[in-house]
Amino acid sequence: MRVEATIPETRGAAVTELAAELGLTRSQVVDEALALFLKAVVEVRKGRRLVMVDPSRSDAVCELATPTLSALEWTLSRQKLNVSVDELTGMAELIADPPKAGARLRAAARRQRR
């Protein structure tokens, strides 16, 4: 399968350099990267975190995170939300009749329009 992607020039140069260093094609480097990312997603979905451990020191750990993996972790950590009837009623009232904007909020809105 052929896949096309737009990546920053610096990352493209890094892929080319890494491919040459390892004696691989750019396609092989991208395939390795995708395999690693797919494994990372599978592990995050299981509630695990990805870390790198220095083999000479078991306490030296570096956690591997990307924006996508972090977002996935956040969406998977659901917590029960307890809201009382009074709190729900209060929110409904605020939605139906929100308080008027104060002077500070109006001034901030004016600054944003400029």
N, C-alpha and C. Protein backbone atom coordinates (compact mmCIF):
# COMPACT_ATOMS: atom_id res chain seq x y z
N MET A 1 0.85 -1.17 0.00
CA MET A 1 0.00 0.00 0.00
C MET A 1 0.89 1.23 0.00
N ARG A 2 0.50 2.19 -0.74
CA ARG A 2 1.24 3.45 -0.79
C ARG A 2 0.52 4.46 0.09
N VAL A 3 1.28 5.12 0.97
CA VAL A 3 0.74 6.13 1.85
C VAL A 3 1.52 7.41 1.63
N GLU A 4 0.83 8.52 1.55
CA GLU A 4 1.50 9.80 1.36
C GLU A 4 1.17 10.69 2.55
N ALA A 5 2.18 11.38 3.05
CA ALA A 5 1.99 12.25 4.21
C ALA A 5 2.81 13.52 4.04
N THR A 6 2.33 14.59 4.62
CA THR A 6 3.07 15.85 4.64
C THR A 6 3.67 16.00 6.03
N ILE A 7 5.00 16.12 6.07
CA ILE A 7 5.69 16.27 7.34
C ILE A 7 6.64 17.46 7.23
N PRO A 8 7.04 18.02 8.37
CA PRO A 8 7.97 19.15 8.33
C PRO A 8 9.30 18.76 7.67
N GLU A 9 9.93 19.72 7.04
CA GLU A 9 11.20 19.47 6.35
C GLU A 9 12.23 18.86 7.29
N THR A 10 12.30 19.37 8.51
CA THR A 10 13.31 18.86 9.44
C THR A 10 13.08 17.38 9.76
N ARG A 11 11.82 16.98 9.89
CA ARG A 11 11.53 15.57 10.16
C ARG A 11 11.83 14.73 8.93
N GLY A 12 11.54 15.25 7.76
CA GLY A 12 11.86 14.53 6.53
C GLY A 12 13.36 14.32 6.38
N ALA A 13 14.12 15.35 6.72
CA ALA A 13 15.59 15.23 6.66
C ALA A 13 16.07 14.20 7.68
N ALA A 14 15.45 14.17 8.85
CA ALA A 14 15.83 13.19 9.87
C ALA A 14 15.53 11.77 9.41
N VAL A 15 14.41 11.57 8.72
CA VAL A 15 14.07 10.25 8.20
C VAL A 15 15.10 9.82 7.17
N THR A 16 15.46 10.72 6.26
CA THR A 16 16.45 10.40 5.22
C THR A 16 17.79 10.07 5.86
N GLU A 17 18.20 10.87 6.85
CA GLU A 17 19.48 10.64 7.53
C GLU A 17 19.47 9.32 8.28
N LEU A 18 18.38 9.03 8.99
CA LEU A 18 18.28 7.78 9.75
C LEU A 18 18.28 6.57 8.81
N ALA A 19 17.58 6.68 7.70
CA ALA A 19 17.54 5.59 6.74
C ALA A 19 18.94 5.28 6.23
N ALA A 20 19.69 6.33 5.89
CA ALA A 20 21.06 6.13 5.41
C ALA A 20 21.93 5.51 6.49
N GLU A 21 21.78 6.00 7.71
CA GLU A 21 22.59 5.50 8.84
C GLU A 21 22.33 4.02 9.12
N LEU A 22 21.06 3.61 9.01
CA LEU A 22 20.69 2.23 9.32
C LEU A 22 20.70 1.30 8.11
N GLY A 23 20.94 1.86 6.93
CA GLY A 23 20.94 1.05 5.72
C GLY A 23 19.54 0.60 5.33
N LEU A 24 18.56 1.44 5.60
CA LEU A 24 17.17 1.14 5.28
C LEU A 24 16.66 2.13 4.24
N THR A 25 15.51 1.81 3.68
CA THR A 25 14.85 2.79 2.82
C THR A 25 14.01 3.70 3.70
N ARG A 26 13.60 4.84 3.17
CA ARG A 26 12.71 5.71 3.94
C ARG A 26 11.40 5.00 4.24
N SER A 27 10.93 4.19 3.30
CA SER A 27 9.69 3.44 3.53
C SER A 27 9.84 2.48 4.71
N GLN A 28 11.01 1.85 4.83
CA GLN A 28 11.23 0.94 5.96
C GLN A 28 11.24 1.71 7.28
N VAL A 29 11.85 2.89 7.29
CA VAL A 29 11.86 3.70 8.51
C VAL A 29 10.44 4.09 8.89
N VAL A 30 9.65 4.52 7.93
CA VAL A 30 8.26 4.90 8.20
C VAL A 30 7.46 3.69 8.67
N ASP A 31 7.69 2.52 8.07
CA ASP A 31 7.00 1.30 8.48
C ASP A 31 7.34 0.95 9.93
N GLU A 32 8.62 1.08 10.30
CA GLU A 32 9.04 0.83 11.69
C GLU A 32 8.35 1.81 12.63
N ALA A 33 8.30 3.08 12.24
CA ALA A 33 7.67 4.10 13.08
C ALA A 33 6.19 3.80 13.26
N LEU A 34 5.51 3.42 12.20
CA LEU A 34 4.09 3.09 12.30
C LEU A 34 3.87 1.86 13.18
N ALA A 35 4.72 0.86 13.05
CA ALA A 35 4.60 -0.34 13.88
C ALA A 35 4.74 0.03 15.36
N LEU A 36 5.69 0.88 15.67
CA LEU A 36 5.90 1.32 17.05
C LEU A 36 4.69 2.12 17.55
N PHE A 37 4.18 3.02 16.72
CA PHE A 37 3.04 3.83 17.13
C PHE A 37 1.80 2.96 17.34
N LEU A 38 1.56 2.01 16.46
CA LEU A 38 0.42 1.11 16.62
C LEU A 38 0.53 0.32 17.92
N LYS A 39 1.72 -0.16 18.24
CA LYS A 39 1.93 -0.88 19.49
C LYS A 39 1.69 0.05 20.68
N ALA A 40 2.14 1.29 20.56
CA ALA A 40 1.94 2.27 21.63
C ALA A 40 0.46 2.50 21.88
N VAL A 41 -0.32 2.65 20.84
CA VAL A 41 -1.77 2.86 20.98
C VAL A 41 -2.42 1.65 21.64
N VAL A 42 -2.03 0.44 21.24
CA VAL A 42 -2.59 -0.76 21.84
C VAL A 42 -2.31 -0.79 23.34
N GLU A 43 -1.08 -0.46 23.73
CA GLU A 43 -0.71 -0.49 25.15
C GLU A 43 -1.41 0.60 25.95
N VAL A 44 -1.54 1.79 25.38
CA VAL A 44 -2.24 2.88 26.08
C VAL A 44 -3.70 2.51 26.27
N ARG A 45 -4.29 1.88 25.28
CA ARG A 45 -5.69 1.44 25.42
C ARG A 45 -5.86 0.41 26.53
N LYS A 46 -4.80 -0.32 26.85
CA LYS A 46 -4.83 -1.28 27.95
C LYS A 46 -4.57 -0.61 29.29
N GLY A 47 -4.37 0.70 29.27
CA GLY A 47 -4.12 1.43 30.50
C GLY A 47 -2.65 1.49 30.89
N ARG A 48 -1.78 1.12 29.98
CA ARG A 48 -0.35 1.13 30.27
C ARG A 48 0.30 2.40 29.77
N ARG A 49 1.46 2.70 30.33
CA ARG A 49 2.27 3.82 29.86
C ARG A 49 3.55 3.27 29.26
N LEU A 50 4.08 3.98 28.30
CA LEU A 50 5.31 3.55 27.65
C LEU A 50 6.50 4.26 28.28
N VAL A 51 7.49 3.49 28.66
CA VAL A 51 8.68 4.07 29.27
C VAL A 51 9.92 3.43 28.67
N MET A 52 11.01 4.16 28.76
CA MET A 52 12.32 3.63 28.39
C MET A 52 13.13 3.54 29.67
N VAL A 53 13.79 2.40 29.87
CA VAL A 53 14.55 2.16 31.09
C VAL A 53 16.01 2.00 30.73
N ASP A 54 16.85 2.67 31.47
CA ASP A 54 18.30 2.51 31.32
C ASP A 54 18.66 1.15 31.89
N PRO A 55 19.24 0.25 31.10
CA PRO A 55 19.53 -1.10 31.61
C PRO A 55 20.53 -1.12 32.76
N SER A 56 21.33 -0.08 32.88
CA SER A 56 22.32 -0.07 33.96
C SER A 56 21.73 0.47 35.27
N ARG A 57 20.58 1.13 35.19
CA ARG A 57 19.95 1.69 36.40
C ARG A 57 18.45 1.46 36.29
N SER A 58 17.91 0.64 37.13
CA SER A 58 16.48 0.32 37.03
C SER A 58 15.59 1.49 37.43
N ASP A 59 16.14 2.50 38.12
CA ASP A 59 15.31 3.62 38.54
C ASP A 59 15.29 4.76 37.52
N ALA A 60 16.14 4.69 36.50
CA ALA A 60 16.19 5.75 35.50
C ALA A 60 15.16 5.47 34.41
N VAL A 61 14.05 6.18 34.45
CA VAL A 61 12.96 5.93 33.52
C VAL A 61 12.63 7.22 32.76
N CYS A 62 12.38 7.06 31.49
CA CYS A 62 11.96 8.18 30.65
C CYS A 62 10.63 7.79 30.01
N GLU A 63 9.58 8.53 30.33
CA GLU A 63 8.27 8.21 29.77
C GLU A 63 8.15 8.73 28.36
N LEU A 64 7.59 7.91 27.49
CA LEU A 64 7.38 8.27 26.10
C LEU A 64 5.95 8.78 25.95
N ALA A 65 5.79 10.00 25.47
CA ALA A 65 4.45 10.57 25.30
C ALA A 65 4.41 11.39 24.01
N THR A 66 3.27 11.36 23.39
CA THR A 66 3.00 12.21 22.23
C THR A 66 1.66 12.87 22.49
N PRO A 67 1.34 13.94 21.78
CA PRO A 67 0.01 14.55 21.98
C PRO A 67 -1.14 13.56 21.79
N THR A 68 -1.03 12.71 20.79
CA THR A 68 -2.10 11.75 20.52
C THR A 68 -2.20 10.71 21.62
N LEU A 69 -1.05 10.18 22.07
CA LEU A 69 -1.09 9.18 23.14
C LEU A 69 -1.61 9.78 24.44
N SER A 70 -1.22 11.01 24.73
CA SER A 70 -1.71 11.68 25.94
C SER A 70 -3.21 11.89 25.88
N ALA A 71 -3.71 12.34 24.73
CA ALA A 71 -5.16 12.54 24.57
C ALA A 71 -5.90 11.22 24.71
N LEU A 72 -5.35 10.17 24.15
CA LEU A 72 -5.98 8.85 24.25
C LEU A 72 -6.02 8.39 25.71
N GLU A 73 -4.94 8.61 26.42
CA GLU A 73 -4.90 8.24 27.84
C GLU A 73 -5.96 9.00 28.63
N TRP A 74 -6.10 10.29 28.35
CA TRP A 74 -7.10 11.10 29.06
C TRP A 74 -8.52 10.62 28.77
N THR A 75 -8.79 10.28 27.52
CA THR A 75 -10.15 9.86 27.18
C THR A 75 -10.49 8.50 27.77
N LEU A 76 -9.47 7.69 28.05
CA LEU A 76 -9.72 6.36 28.59
C LEU A 76 -9.85 6.35 30.11
N SER A 77 -9.43 7.43 30.76
CA SER A 77 -9.50 7.45 32.23
C SER A 77 -10.79 8.14 32.66
N ARG A 78 -11.87 7.41 32.55
CA ARG A 78 -13.17 7.95 32.92
C ARG A 78 -13.36 7.89 34.42
N GLN A 79 -14.02 8.91 34.93
CA GLN A 79 -14.34 8.95 36.34
C GLN A 79 -15.81 9.31 36.49
N LYS A 80 -16.41 8.73 37.50
CA LYS A 80 -17.82 9.00 37.76
C LYS A 80 -17.95 10.43 38.29
N LEU A 81 -18.93 11.13 37.77
CA LEU A 81 -19.20 12.50 38.18
C LEU A 81 -20.49 12.51 38.99
N ASN A 82 -20.38 12.95 40.23
CA ASN A 82 -21.55 13.03 41.10
C ASN A 82 -22.01 14.48 41.19
N VAL A 83 -23.20 14.74 40.66
CA VAL A 83 -23.77 16.09 40.70
C VAL A 83 -25.15 15.98 41.33
N SER A 84 -25.36 16.80 42.33
CA SER A 84 -26.66 16.75 43.03
C SER A 84 -27.74 17.41 42.18
N VAL A 85 -28.99 17.15 42.55
CA VAL A 85 -30.13 17.75 41.86
C VAL A 85 -30.08 19.27 41.99
N ASP A 86 -29.68 19.76 43.17
CA ASP A 86 -29.60 21.21 43.38
C ASP A 86 -28.55 21.83 42.46
N GLU A 87 -27.42 21.16 42.31
CA GLU A 87 -26.36 21.68 41.42
C GLU A 87 -26.83 21.69 39.96
N LEU A 88 -27.52 20.63 39.55
CA LEU A 88 -28.05 20.59 38.17
C LEU A 88 -29.09 21.69 37.96
N THR A 89 -29.92 21.90 38.95
CA THR A 89 -30.93 22.96 38.86
C THR A 89 -30.25 24.31 38.75
N GLY A 90 -29.21 24.54 39.55
CA GLY A 90 -28.47 25.80 39.49
C GLY A 90 -27.84 26.03 38.13
N MET A 91 -27.27 24.96 37.53
CA MET A 91 -26.67 25.10 36.20
C MET A 91 -27.74 25.42 35.16
N ALA A 92 -28.88 24.76 35.26
CA ALA A 92 -29.97 25.01 34.31
C ALA A 92 -30.45 26.46 34.42
N GLU A 93 -30.52 26.98 35.64
CA GLU A 93 -30.94 28.38 35.83
C GLU A 93 -29.92 29.35 35.23
N LEU A 94 -28.63 29.05 35.40
CA LEU A 94 -27.59 29.91 34.83
C LEU A 94 -27.63 29.91 33.31
N ILE A 95 -27.93 28.74 32.74
CA ILE A 95 -28.02 28.65 31.28
C ILE A 95 -29.23 29.43 30.78
N ALA A 96 -30.34 29.30 31.48
CA ALA A 96 -31.57 29.98 31.06
C ALA A 96 -31.47 31.49 31.23
N ASP A 97 -30.82 31.93 32.28
CA ASP A 97 -30.73 33.37 32.56
C ASP A 97 -29.30 33.69 33.05
N PRO A 98 -28.34 33.75 32.11
CA PRO A 98 -26.95 33.99 32.53
C PRO A 98 -26.77 35.39 33.10
N PRO A 99 -25.83 35.53 34.04
CA PRO A 99 -25.59 36.86 34.62
C PRO A 99 -25.03 37.80 33.54
N LYS A 100 -25.30 39.08 33.71
CA LYS A 100 -24.79 40.08 32.77
C LYS A 100 -23.28 40.18 32.91
N ALA A 101 -22.63 40.48 31.81
CA ALA A 101 -21.17 40.62 31.82
C ALA A 101 -20.77 41.84 32.65
N GLY A 102 -19.74 41.65 33.47
CA GLY A 102 -19.23 42.75 34.28
C GLY A 102 -18.31 43.65 33.47
N ALA A 103 -17.87 44.72 34.09
CA ALA A 103 -17.01 45.70 33.41
C ALA A 103 -15.70 45.06 32.95
N ARG A 104 -15.12 44.21 33.76
CA ARG A 104 -13.84 43.58 33.38
C ARG A 104 -14.00 42.66 32.18
N LEU A 105 -15.10 41.91 32.13
CA LEU A 105 -15.34 41.02 31.00
C LEU A 105 -15.60 41.81 29.73
N ARG A 106 -16.37 42.90 29.83
CA ARG A 106 -16.63 43.74 28.66
C ARG A 106 -15.33 44.36 28.15
N ALA A 107 -14.47 44.80 29.06
CA ALA A 107 -13.19 45.39 28.66
C ALA A 107 -12.31 44.35 27.97
N ALA A 108 -12.30 43.13 28.48
CA ALA A 108 -11.52 42.06 27.86
C ALA A 108 -12.05 41.75 26.46
N ALA A 109 -13.36 41.73 26.31
CA ALA A 109 -13.96 41.47 25.00
C ALA A 109 -13.60 42.57 24.01
N ARG A 110 -13.59 43.82 24.46
CA ARG A 110 -13.19 44.94 23.58
C ARG A 110 -11.75 44.78 23.12
N ARG A 111 -10.88 44.35 24.03
CA ARG A 111 -9.47 44.17 23.67
C ARG A 111 -9.30 43.07 22.62
N GLN A 112 -10.12 42.04 22.71
CA GLN A 112 -10.03 40.93 21.76
C GLN A 112 -10.51 41.31 20.37
N ARG A 113 -11.43 42.27 20.29
CA ARG A 113 -11.96 42.69 18.98
C ARG A 113 -10.95 43.49 18.18
N ARG A 114 -9.98 44.06 18.83
CA ARG A 114 -8.99 44.91 18.13
C ARG A 114 -8.05 44.13 17.30
